[in-house]
Amino acid sequence: MVHKDIINKDMIIFDILQQFPEAEKVLESFGMRCSECLAVVNENLAQSAVRHNVELESLLTALNKLRK
């Protein structure tokens, strides 16, 4: 069973940033300057990871540490 508060690959980046403002720093540490891009309103985390050549599982691990 997946808990709804877990940040997952299908979440829209804008929603992640709204729920977890500190995620901006995590995304930037992976070279993803999402706060400066209009794609955040339509693009999910998996799509953005591919576009930025970022390993998705490492990114998810780092983002989900924000929940603790």
PDB file of N, CA and C in Angstrom:
ATOM      1  N   MET A   1       0.839  -1.188   0.000  1.00  0.00           N
ATOM      2  CA  MET A   1       0.000   0.000   0.000  1.00  0.00           C
ATOM      3  C   MET A   1       0.884   1.252   0.000  1.00  0.00           C
ATOM      4  N   VAL A   2       0.607   2.153  -0.897  1.00  0.00           N
ATOM      5  CA  VAL A   2       1.394   3.375  -1.028  1.00  0.00           C
ATOM      6  C   VAL A   2       0.709   4.497  -0.260  1.00  0.00           C
ATOM      7  N   HIS A   3       1.454   5.146   0.587  1.00  0.00           N
ATOM      8  CA  HIS A   3       0.921   6.260   1.364  1.00  0.00           C
ATOM      9  C   HIS A   3       0.814   7.472   0.448  1.00  0.00           C
ATOM     10  N   LYS A   4      -0.276   8.199   0.515  1.00  0.00           N
ATOM     11  CA  LYS A   4      -0.505   9.313  -0.410  1.00  0.00           C
ATOM     12  C   LYS A   4       0.459  10.480  -0.227  1.00  0.00           C
ATOM     13  N   ASP A   5       1.119  10.580   0.913  1.00  0.00           N
ATOM     14  CA  ASP A   5       2.028  11.695   1.150  1.00  0.00           C
ATOM     15  C   ASP A   5       3.431  11.451   0.602  1.00  0.00           C
ATOM     16  N   ILE A   6       3.687  10.253   0.103  1.00  0.00           N
ATOM     17  CA  ILE A   6       5.002   9.961  -0.441  1.00  0.00           C
ATOM     18  C   ILE A   6       5.152  10.674  -1.785  1.00  0.00           C
ATOM     19  N   ILE A   7       6.278  11.333  -1.953  1.00  0.00           N
ATOM     20  CA  ILE A   7       6.564  11.972  -3.237  1.00  0.00           C
ATOM     21  C   ILE A   7       6.882  10.854  -4.215  1.00  0.00           C
ATOM     22  N   ASN A   8       6.167  10.844  -5.347  1.00  0.00           N
ATOM     23  CA  ASN A   8       6.373   9.773  -6.319  1.00  0.00           C
ATOM     24  C   ASN A   8       6.617  10.343  -7.712  1.00  0.00           C
ATOM     25  N   LYS A   9       7.003   9.462  -8.619  1.00  0.00           N
ATOM     26  CA  LYS A   9       7.416   9.850  -9.968  1.00  0.00           C
ATOM     27  C   LYS A   9       6.305  10.482 -10.785  1.00  0.00           C
ATOM     28  N   ASP A  10       5.058  10.227 -10.416  1.00  0.00           N
ATOM     29  CA  ASP A  10       3.930  10.738 -11.189  1.00  0.00           C
ATOM     30  C   ASP A  10       3.428  12.100 -10.724  1.00  0.00           C
ATOM     31  N   MET A  11       3.999  12.610  -9.650  1.00  0.00           N
ATOM     32  CA  MET A  11       3.568  13.905  -9.130  1.00  0.00           C
ATOM     33  C   MET A  11       4.057  15.044 -10.023  1.00  0.00           C
ATOM     34  N   ILE A  12       3.175  16.014 -10.234  1.00  0.00           N
ATOM     35  CA  ILE A  12       3.536  17.214 -10.985  1.00  0.00           C
ATOM     36  C   ILE A  12       4.491  18.043 -10.124  1.00  0.00           C
ATOM     37  N   ILE A  13       5.539  18.536 -10.738  1.00  0.00           N
ATOM     38  CA  ILE A  13       6.569  19.264  -9.975  1.00  0.00           C
ATOM     39  C   ILE A  13       5.989  20.468  -9.245  1.00  0.00           C
ATOM     40  N   PHE A  14       5.070  21.169  -9.864  1.00  0.00           N
ATOM     41  CA  PHE A  14       4.437  22.312  -9.209  1.00  0.00           C
ATOM     42  C   PHE A  14       3.778  21.880  -7.897  1.00  0.00           C
ATOM     43  N   ASP A  15       3.102  20.734  -7.913  1.00  0.00           N
ATOM     44  CA  ASP A  15       2.444  20.228  -6.703  1.00  0.00           C
ATOM     45  C   ASP A  15       3.459  19.870  -5.627  1.00  0.00           C
ATOM     46  N   ILE A  16       4.569  19.287  -6.035  1.00  0.00           N
ATOM     47  CA  ILE A  16       5.632  18.957  -5.070  1.00  0.00           C
ATOM     48  C   ILE A  16       6.143  20.234  -4.415  1.00  0.00           C
ATOM     49  N   LEU A  17       6.404  21.246  -5.233  1.00  0.00           N
ATOM     50  CA  LEU A  17       6.924  22.510  -4.694  1.00  0.00           C
ATOM     51  C   LEU A  17       5.901  23.211  -3.800  1.00  0.00           C
ATOM     52  N   GLN A  18       4.625  23.062  -4.096  1.00  0.00           N
ATOM     53  CA  GLN A  18       3.583  23.652  -3.255  1.00  0.00           C
ATOM     54  C   GLN A  18       3.520  22.954  -1.897  1.00  0.00           C
ATOM     55  N   GLN A  19       3.587  21.629  -1.903  1.00  0.00           N
ATOM     56  CA  GLN A  19       3.481  20.853  -0.666  1.00  0.00           C
ATOM     57  C   GLN A  19       4.774  20.858   0.142  1.00  0.00           C
ATOM     58  N   PHE A  20       5.893  20.929  -0.562  1.00  0.00           N
ATOM     59  CA  PHE A  20       7.209  20.860   0.078  1.00  0.00           C
ATOM     60  C   PHE A  20       8.109  21.953  -0.511  1.00  0.00           C
ATOM     61  N   PRO A  21       7.961  23.204  -0.064  1.00  0.00           N
ATOM     62  CA  PRO A  21       8.765  24.302  -0.634  1.00  0.00           C
ATOM     63  C   PRO A  21      10.271  24.046  -0.576  1.00  0.00           C
ATOM     64  N   GLU A  22      10.703  23.298   0.423  1.00  0.00           N
ATOM     65  CA  GLU A  22      12.128  22.999   0.559  1.00  0.00           C
ATOM     66  C   GLU A  22      12.620  22.045  -0.532  1.00  0.00           C
ATOM     67  N   ALA A  23      11.712  21.476  -1.304  1.00  0.00           N
ATOM     68  CA  ALA A  23      12.086  20.592  -2.419  1.00  0.00           C
ATOM     69  C   ALA A  23      12.862  21.357  -3.491  1.00  0.00           C
ATOM     70  N   GLU A  24      12.679  22.652  -3.554  1.00  0.00           N
ATOM     71  CA  GLU A  24      13.393  23.460  -4.541  1.00  0.00           C
ATOM     72  C   GLU A  24      14.900  23.268  -4.412  1.00  0.00           C
ATOM     73  N   LYS A  25      15.412  23.259  -3.189  1.00  0.00           N
ATOM     74  CA  LYS A  25      16.851  23.087  -2.969  1.00  0.00           C
ATOM     75  C   LYS A  25      17.311  21.693  -3.378  1.00  0.00           C
ATOM     76  N   VAL A  26      16.476  20.700  -3.114  1.00  0.00           N
ATOM     77  CA  VAL A  26      16.826  19.333  -3.504  1.00  0.00           C
ATOM     78  C   VAL A  26      16.884  19.228  -5.022  1.00  0.00           C
ATOM     79  N   LEU A  27      15.876  19.746  -5.694  1.00  0.00           N
ATOM     80  CA  LEU A  27      15.856  19.712  -7.155  1.00  0.00           C
ATOM     81  C   LEU A  27      17.068  20.439  -7.735  1.00  0.00           C
ATOM     82  N   GLU A  28      17.397  21.586  -7.161  1.00  0.00           N
ATOM     83  CA  GLU A  28      18.559  22.346  -7.639  1.00  0.00           C
ATOM     84  C   GLU A  28      19.856  21.573  -7.428  1.00  0.00           C
ATOM     85  N   SER A  29      19.935  20.791  -6.358  1.00  0.00           N
ATOM     86  CA  SER A  29      21.151  20.010  -6.109  1.00  0.00           C
ATOM     87  C   SER A  29      21.352  18.934  -7.172  1.00  0.00           C
ATOM     88  N   PHE A  30      20.286  18.590  -7.891  1.00  0.00           N
ATOM     89  CA  PHE A  30      20.362  17.636  -9.000  1.00  0.00           C
ATOM     90  C   PHE A  30      20.462  18.361 -10.348  1.00  0.00           C
ATOM     91  N   GLY A  31      20.647  19.662 -10.316  1.00  0.00           N
ATOM     92  CA  GLY A  31      20.775  20.441 -11.538  1.00  0.00           C
ATOM     93  C   GLY A  31      19.449  20.809 -12.177  1.00  0.00           C
ATOM     94  N   MET A  32      18.383  20.683 -11.422  1.00  0.00           N
ATOM     95  CA  MET A  32      17.042  20.968 -11.925  1.00  0.00           C
ATOM     96  C   MET A  32      16.569  22.288 -11.330  1.00  0.00           C
ATOM     97  N   ARG A  33      16.559  23.317 -12.134  1.00  0.00           N
ATOM     98  CA  ARG A  33      16.151  24.643 -11.657  1.00  0.00           C
ATOM     99  C   ARG A  33      14.675  24.843 -11.957  1.00  0.00           C
ATOM    100  N   CYS A  34      13.859  24.011 -11.333  1.00  0.00           N
ATOM    101  CA  CYS A  34      12.425  23.943 -11.632  1.00  0.00           C
ATOM    102  C   CYS A  34      11.667  25.220 -11.308  1.00  0.00           C
ATOM    103  N   SER A  35      12.109  25.955 -10.330  1.00  0.00           N
ATOM    104  CA  SER A  35      11.384  27.173  -9.955  1.00  0.00           C
ATOM    105  C   SER A  35      11.470  28.247 -11.039  1.00  0.00           C
ATOM    106  N   GLU A  36      12.376  28.078 -11.990  1.00  0.00           N
ATOM    107  CA  GLU A  36      12.557  29.058 -13.060  1.00  0.00           C
ATOM    108  C   GLU A  36      11.937  28.601 -14.377  1.00  0.00           C
ATOM    109  N   CYS A  37      11.221  27.479 -14.368  1.00  0.00           N
ATOM    110  CA  CYS A  37      10.750  26.876 -15.613  1.00  0.00           C
ATOM    111  C   CYS A  37       9.222  26.769 -15.631  1.00  0.00           C
ATOM    112  N   LEU A  38       8.626  27.112 -16.748  1.00  0.00           N
ATOM    113  CA  LEU A  38       7.172  27.026 -16.882  1.00  0.00           C
ATOM    114  C   LEU A  38       6.667  25.595 -17.011  1.00  0.00           C
ATOM    115  N   ALA A  39       7.546  24.652 -17.316  1.00  0.00           N
ATOM    116  CA  ALA A  39       7.134  23.253 -17.484  1.00  0.00           C
ATOM    117  C   ALA A  39       6.645  22.630 -16.178  1.00  0.00           C
ATOM    118  N   VAL A  40       6.959  23.251 -15.051  1.00  0.00           N
ATOM    119  CA  VAL A  40       6.604  22.646 -13.760  1.00  0.00           C
ATOM    120  C   VAL A  40       5.099  22.451 -13.574  1.00  0.00           C
ATOM    121  N   VAL A  41       4.287  23.206 -14.272  1.00  0.00           N
ATOM    122  CA  VAL A  41       2.839  23.076 -14.086  1.00  0.00           C
ATOM    123  C   VAL A  41       2.264  21.862 -14.811  1.00  0.00           C
ATOM    124  N   ASN A  42       2.993  21.315 -15.782  1.00  0.00           N
ATOM    125  CA  ASN A  42       2.493  20.175 -16.551  1.00  0.00           C
ATOM    126  C   ASN A  42       3.371  18.937 -16.471  1.00  0.00           C
ATOM    127  N   GLU A  43       4.591  19.098 -16.045  1.00  0.00           N
ATOM    128  CA  GLU A  43       5.558  18.006 -16.113  1.00  0.00           C
ATOM    129  C   GLU A  43       5.640  17.259 -14.786  1.00  0.00           C
ATOM    130  N   ASN A  44       5.617  15.924 -14.859  1.00  0.00           N
ATOM    131  CA  ASN A  44       5.767  15.158 -13.627  1.00  0.00           C
ATOM    132  C   ASN A  44       7.254  14.924 -13.353  1.00  0.00           C
ATOM    133  N   LEU A  45       7.524  14.369 -12.201  1.00  0.00           N
ATOM    134  CA  LEU A  45       8.908  14.200 -11.760  1.00  0.00           C
ATOM    135  C   LEU A  45       9.682  13.276 -12.699  1.00  0.00           C
ATOM    136  N   ALA A  46       9.065  12.202 -13.150  1.00  0.00           N
ATOM    137  CA  ALA A  46       9.743  11.261 -14.045  1.00  0.00           C
ATOM    138  C   ALA A  46      10.105  11.935 -15.365  1.00  0.00           C
ATOM    139  N   GLN A  47       9.198  12.696 -15.926  1.00  0.00           N
ATOM    140  CA  GLN A  47       9.467  13.397 -17.184  1.00  0.00           C
ATOM    141  C   GLN A  47      10.617  14.383 -17.028  1.00  0.00           C
ATOM    142  N   SER A  48      10.606  15.104 -15.934  1.00  0.00           N
ATOM    143  CA  SER A  48      11.654  16.091 -15.707  1.00  0.00           C
ATOM    144  C   SER A  48      13.005  15.422 -15.482  1.00  0.00           C
ATOM    145  N   ALA A  49      13.001  14.296 -14.777  1.00  0.00           N
ATOM    146  CA  ALA A  49      14.257  13.570 -14.540  1.00  0.00           C
ATOM    147  C   ALA A  49      14.869  13.125 -15.868  1.00  0.00           C
ATOM    148  N   VAL A  50      14.049  12.624 -16.768  1.00  0.00           N
ATOM    149  CA  VAL A  50      14.542  12.214 -18.084  1.00  0.00           C
ATOM    150  C   VAL A  50      15.104  13.420 -18.834  1.00  0.00           C
ATOM    151  N   ARG A  51      14.364  14.498 -18.828  1.00  0.00           N
ATOM    152  CA  ARG A  51      14.784  15.705 -19.560  1.00  0.00           C
ATOM    153  C   ARG A  51      16.101  16.261 -19.032  1.00  0.00           C
ATOM    154  N   HIS A  52      16.323  16.119 -17.732  1.00  0.00           N
ATOM    155  CA  HIS A  52      17.537  16.660 -17.112  1.00  0.00           C
ATOM    156  C   HIS A  52      18.620  15.605 -16.908  1.00  0.00           C
ATOM    157  N   ASN A  53      18.367  14.381 -17.411  1.00  0.00           N
ATOM    158  CA  ASN A  53      19.322  13.281 -17.286  1.00  0.00           C
ATOM    159  C   ASN A  53      19.685  13.009 -15.823  1.00  0.00           C
ATOM    160  N   VAL A  54      18.651  12.923 -14.988  1.00  0.00           N
ATOM    161  CA  VAL A  54      18.812  12.692 -13.554  1.00  0.00           C
ATOM    162  C   VAL A  54      18.300  11.287 -13.227  1.00  0.00           C
ATOM    163  N   GLU A  55      19.023  10.567 -12.388  1.00  0.00           N
ATOM    164  CA  GLU A  55      18.611   9.228 -11.974  1.00  0.00           C
ATOM    165  C   GLU A  55      17.407   9.365 -11.043  1.00  0.00           C
ATOM    166  N   LEU A  56      16.274   8.868 -11.476  1.00  0.00           N
ATOM    167  CA  LEU A  56      15.000   9.078 -10.798  1.00  0.00           C
ATOM    168  C   LEU A  56      14.982   8.533  -9.376  1.00  0.00           C
ATOM    169  N   GLU A  57      15.485   7.343  -9.158  1.00  0.00           N
ATOM    170  CA  GLU A  57      15.428   6.749  -7.816  1.00  0.00           C
ATOM    171  C   GLU A  57      16.228   7.558  -6.802  1.00  0.00           C
ATOM    172  N   SER A  58      17.378   8.069  -7.201  1.00  0.00           N
ATOM    173  CA  SER A  58      18.179   8.915  -6.295  1.00  0.00           C
ATOM    174  C   SER A  58      17.437  10.201  -5.966  1.00  0.00           C
ATOM    175  N   LEU A  59      16.793  10.769  -6.973  1.00  0.00           N
ATOM    176  CA  LEU A  59      16.021  11.991  -6.766  1.00  0.00           C
ATOM    177  C   LEU A  59      14.845  11.742  -5.827  1.00  0.00           C
ATOM    178  N   LEU A  60      14.130  10.655  -6.038  1.00  0.00           N
ATOM    179  CA  LEU A  60      12.995  10.321  -5.163  1.00  0.00           C
ATOM    180  C   LEU A  60      13.449  10.093  -3.725  1.00  0.00           C
ATOM    181  N   THR A  61      14.567   9.424  -3.556  1.00  0.00           N
ATOM    182  CA  THR A  61      15.092   9.184  -2.207  1.00  0.00           C
ATOM    183  C   THR A  61      15.386  10.505  -1.513  1.00  0.00           C
ATOM    184  N   ALA A  62      16.046  11.410  -2.211  1.00  0.00           N
ATOM    185  CA  ALA A  62      16.385  12.709  -1.629  1.00  0.00           C
ATOM    186  C   ALA A  62      15.132  13.518  -1.309  1.00  0.00           C
ATOM    187  N   LEU A  63      14.170  13.521  -2.206  1.00  0.00           N
ATOM    188  CA  LEU A  63      12.932  14.299  -1.970  1.00  0.00           C
ATOM    189  C   LEU A  63      12.133  13.722  -0.810  1.00  0.00           C
ATOM    190  N   ASN A  64      12.065  12.425  -0.708  1.00  0.00           N
ATOM    191  CA  ASN A  64      11.278  11.825   0.363  1.00  0.00           C
ATOM    192  C   ASN A  64      11.918  11.979   1.734  1.00  0.00           C
ATOM    193  N   LYS A  65      13.194  12.317   1.781  1.00  0.00           N
ATOM    194  CA  LYS A  65      13.826  12.636   3.062  1.00  0.00           C
ATOM    195  C   LYS A  65      13.231  13.914   3.654  1.00  0.00           C
ATOM    196  N   LEU A  66      12.633  14.760   2.828  1.00  0.00           N
ATOM    197  CA  LEU A  66      12.002  15.999   3.301  1.00  0.00           C
ATOM    198  C   LEU A  66      10.800  15.704   4.191  1.00  0.00           C
ATOM    199  N   ARG A  67      10.208  14.564   4.023  1.00  0.00           N
ATOM    200  CA  ARG A  67       8.997  14.214   4.774  1.00  0.00           C
ATOM    201  C   ARG A  67       9.313  13.802   6.208  1.00  0.00           C
ATOM    202  N   LYS A  68      10.548  13.587   6.530  1.00  0.00           N
ATOM    203  CA  LYS A  68      10.912  13.075   7.862  1.00  0.00           C
ATOM    204  C   LYS A  68      11.217  14.184   8.830  1.00  0.00           C
TER     205      LYS A  68
END
